[in-house]
Amino acid sequence: MSNTFGFVKTLFNSETGEFLGAHLIGPDVTEMISTFGLAISSESTEDEFINTVFAHPTLSESIHESVLSAFGKPLHF
């Protein structure tokens, strides 16, 4: 895409690990919203996000990277 603008921020309950929500800014982020909708409706946790395989190279990798970063385990810093 040759575009380096944007970010994904994920929020989790620190006691239960439950996914609470996300902030997405950048081009084509609307393509990733359904992932978060599914996570909310299924009451997903950070462990489920961490252990999910995200295709490479895709924009959805930023979801995985955001979760990993939140827990001090980023793959690409």
C-alpha atoms as a PDB file:
ATOM      1  CA  MET A   1       0.000   0.000   0.000  1.00  0.00           C
ATOM      2  CA  SER A   2       3.001   2.283   0.486  1.00  0.00           C
ATOM      3  CA  ASN A   3       1.164   4.049   3.296  1.00  0.00           C
ATOM      4  CA  THR A   4       2.691   4.221   6.767  1.00  0.00           C
ATOM      5  CA  PHE A   5      -0.080   6.245   8.413  1.00  0.00           C
ATOM      6  CA  GLY A   6      -2.429   4.645  10.923  1.00  0.00           C
ATOM      7  CA  PHE A   7      -2.660   2.610  14.091  1.00  0.00           C
ATOM      8  CA  VAL A   8      -4.699   0.003  15.937  1.00  0.00           C
ATOM      9  CA  LYS A   9      -5.242   0.168  19.691  1.00  0.00           C
ATOM     10  CA  THR A  10      -6.909  -2.712  21.536  1.00  0.00           C
ATOM     11  CA  LEU A  11      -8.404  -2.571  25.032  1.00  0.00           C
ATOM     12  CA  PHE A  12      -8.762  -5.477  27.467  1.00  0.00           C
ATOM     13  CA  ASN A  13     -10.051  -5.942  31.007  1.00  0.00           C
ATOM     14  CA  SER A  14      -6.889  -6.268  33.111  1.00  0.00           C
ATOM     15  CA  GLU A  15      -8.535  -8.707  35.531  1.00  0.00           C
ATOM     16  CA  THR A  16     -10.410 -11.046  33.177  1.00  0.00           C
ATOM     17  CA  GLY A  17      -8.555 -10.527  29.895  1.00  0.00           C
ATOM     18  CA  GLU A  18     -11.868  -9.898  28.122  1.00  0.00           C
ATOM     19  CA  PHE A  19     -11.659  -7.808  24.954  1.00  0.00           C
ATOM     20  CA  LEU A  20     -13.395  -4.454  25.540  1.00  0.00           C
ATOM     21  CA  GLY A  21     -12.908  -2.552  22.303  1.00  0.00           C
ATOM     22  CA  ALA A  22     -10.528  -0.993  19.813  1.00  0.00           C
ATOM     23  CA  HIS A  23      -9.540   2.205  18.075  1.00  0.00           C
ATOM     24  CA  LEU A  24      -8.533   2.084  14.410  1.00  0.00           C
ATOM     25  CA  ILE A  25      -7.199   4.966  12.346  1.00  0.00           C
ATOM     26  CA  GLY A  26      -5.888   4.746   8.804  1.00  0.00           C
ATOM     27  CA  PRO A  27      -6.726   3.725   5.266  1.00  0.00           C
ATOM     28  CA  ASP A  28      -8.927   0.645   4.823  1.00  0.00           C
ATOM     29  CA  VAL A  29      -9.436   0.047   8.561  1.00  0.00           C
ATOM     30  CA  THR A  30     -13.117  -0.581   7.861  1.00  0.00           C
ATOM     31  CA  GLU A  31     -11.991  -3.945   6.444  1.00  0.00           C
ATOM     32  CA  MET A  32     -10.939  -4.981   9.975  1.00  0.00           C
ATOM     33  CA  ILE A  33     -13.970  -3.888  11.993  1.00  0.00           C
ATOM     34  CA  SER A  34     -15.760  -7.218  11.563  1.00  0.00           C
ATOM     35  CA  THR A  35     -12.936  -8.988  13.421  1.00  0.00           C
ATOM     36  CA  PHE A  36     -13.585  -6.806  16.445  1.00  0.00           C
ATOM     37  CA  GLY A  37     -17.362  -7.222  16.151  1.00  0.00           C
ATOM     38  CA  LEU A  38     -16.948 -10.975  16.284  1.00  0.00           C
ATOM     39  CA  ALA A  39     -14.570 -10.683  19.237  1.00  0.00           C
ATOM     40  CA  ILE A  40     -17.075  -8.588  21.206  1.00  0.00           C
ATOM     41  CA  SER A  41     -20.016 -10.884  20.481  1.00  0.00           C
ATOM     42  CA  SER A  42     -18.046 -14.014  21.431  1.00  0.00           C
ATOM     43  CA  GLU A  43     -16.520 -12.407  24.547  1.00  0.00           C
ATOM     44  CA  SER A  44     -12.981 -13.066  23.335  1.00  0.00           C
ATOM     45  CA  THR A  45      -9.935 -12.725  25.565  1.00  0.00           C
ATOM     46  CA  GLU A  46      -6.386 -11.574  24.950  1.00  0.00           C
ATOM     47  CA  ASP A  47      -5.240 -15.209  24.912  1.00  0.00           C
ATOM     48  CA  GLU A  48      -7.546 -15.947  22.002  1.00  0.00           C
ATOM     49  CA  PHE A  49      -6.173 -12.969  20.073  1.00  0.00           C
ATOM     50  CA  ILE A  50      -2.573 -13.862  20.912  1.00  0.00           C
ATOM     51  CA  ASN A  51      -3.031 -17.455  19.757  1.00  0.00           C
ATOM     52  CA  THR A  52      -4.863 -16.570  16.529  1.00  0.00           C
ATOM     53  CA  VAL A  53      -2.904 -16.841  13.287  1.00  0.00           C
ATOM     54  CA  PHE A  54      -3.190 -13.693  11.168  1.00  0.00           C
ATOM     55  CA  ALA A  55      -2.298 -13.913   7.481  1.00  0.00           C
ATOM     56  CA  HIS A  56       0.891 -12.249   6.255  1.00  0.00           C
ATOM     57  CA  PRO A  57       1.151  -9.784   4.635  1.00  0.00           C
ATOM     58  CA  THR A  58      -2.224  -8.227   5.464  1.00  0.00           C
ATOM     59  CA  LEU A  59      -3.628  -5.212   7.251  1.00  0.00           C
ATOM     60  CA  SER A  60      -5.163  -7.553   9.830  1.00  0.00           C
ATOM     61  CA  GLU A  61      -1.663  -8.275  11.130  1.00  0.00           C
ATOM     62  CA  SER A  62      -1.891  -4.889  12.834  1.00  0.00           C
ATOM     63  CA  ILE A  63      -4.636  -6.333  15.069  1.00  0.00           C
ATOM     64  CA  HIS A  64      -2.343  -9.125  16.196  1.00  0.00           C
ATOM     65  CA  GLU A  65       0.590  -6.770  16.628  1.00  0.00           C
ATOM     66  CA  SER A  66      -1.520  -4.380  18.714  1.00  0.00           C
ATOM     67  CA  VAL A  67      -2.540  -7.177  21.090  1.00  0.00           C
ATOM     68  CA  LEU A  68       0.988  -8.541  21.334  1.00  0.00           C
ATOM     69  CA  SER A  69       2.328  -5.043  22.041  1.00  0.00           C
ATOM     70  CA  ALA A  70      -0.254  -4.520  24.789  1.00  0.00           C
ATOM     71  CA  PHE A  71       1.240  -7.505  26.584  1.00  0.00           C
ATOM     72  CA  GLY A  72       4.890  -6.688  25.860  1.00  0.00           C
ATOM     73  CA  LYS A  73       5.317  -9.334  23.148  1.00  0.00           C
ATOM     74  CA  PRO A  74       5.457  -7.454  19.812  1.00  0.00           C
ATOM     75  CA  LEU A  75       6.749  -9.321  16.759  1.00  0.00           C
ATOM     76  CA  HIS A  76       7.578  -6.195  14.762  1.00  0.00           C
ATOM     77  CA  PHE A  77       8.443  -3.104  16.702  1.00  0.00           C
END
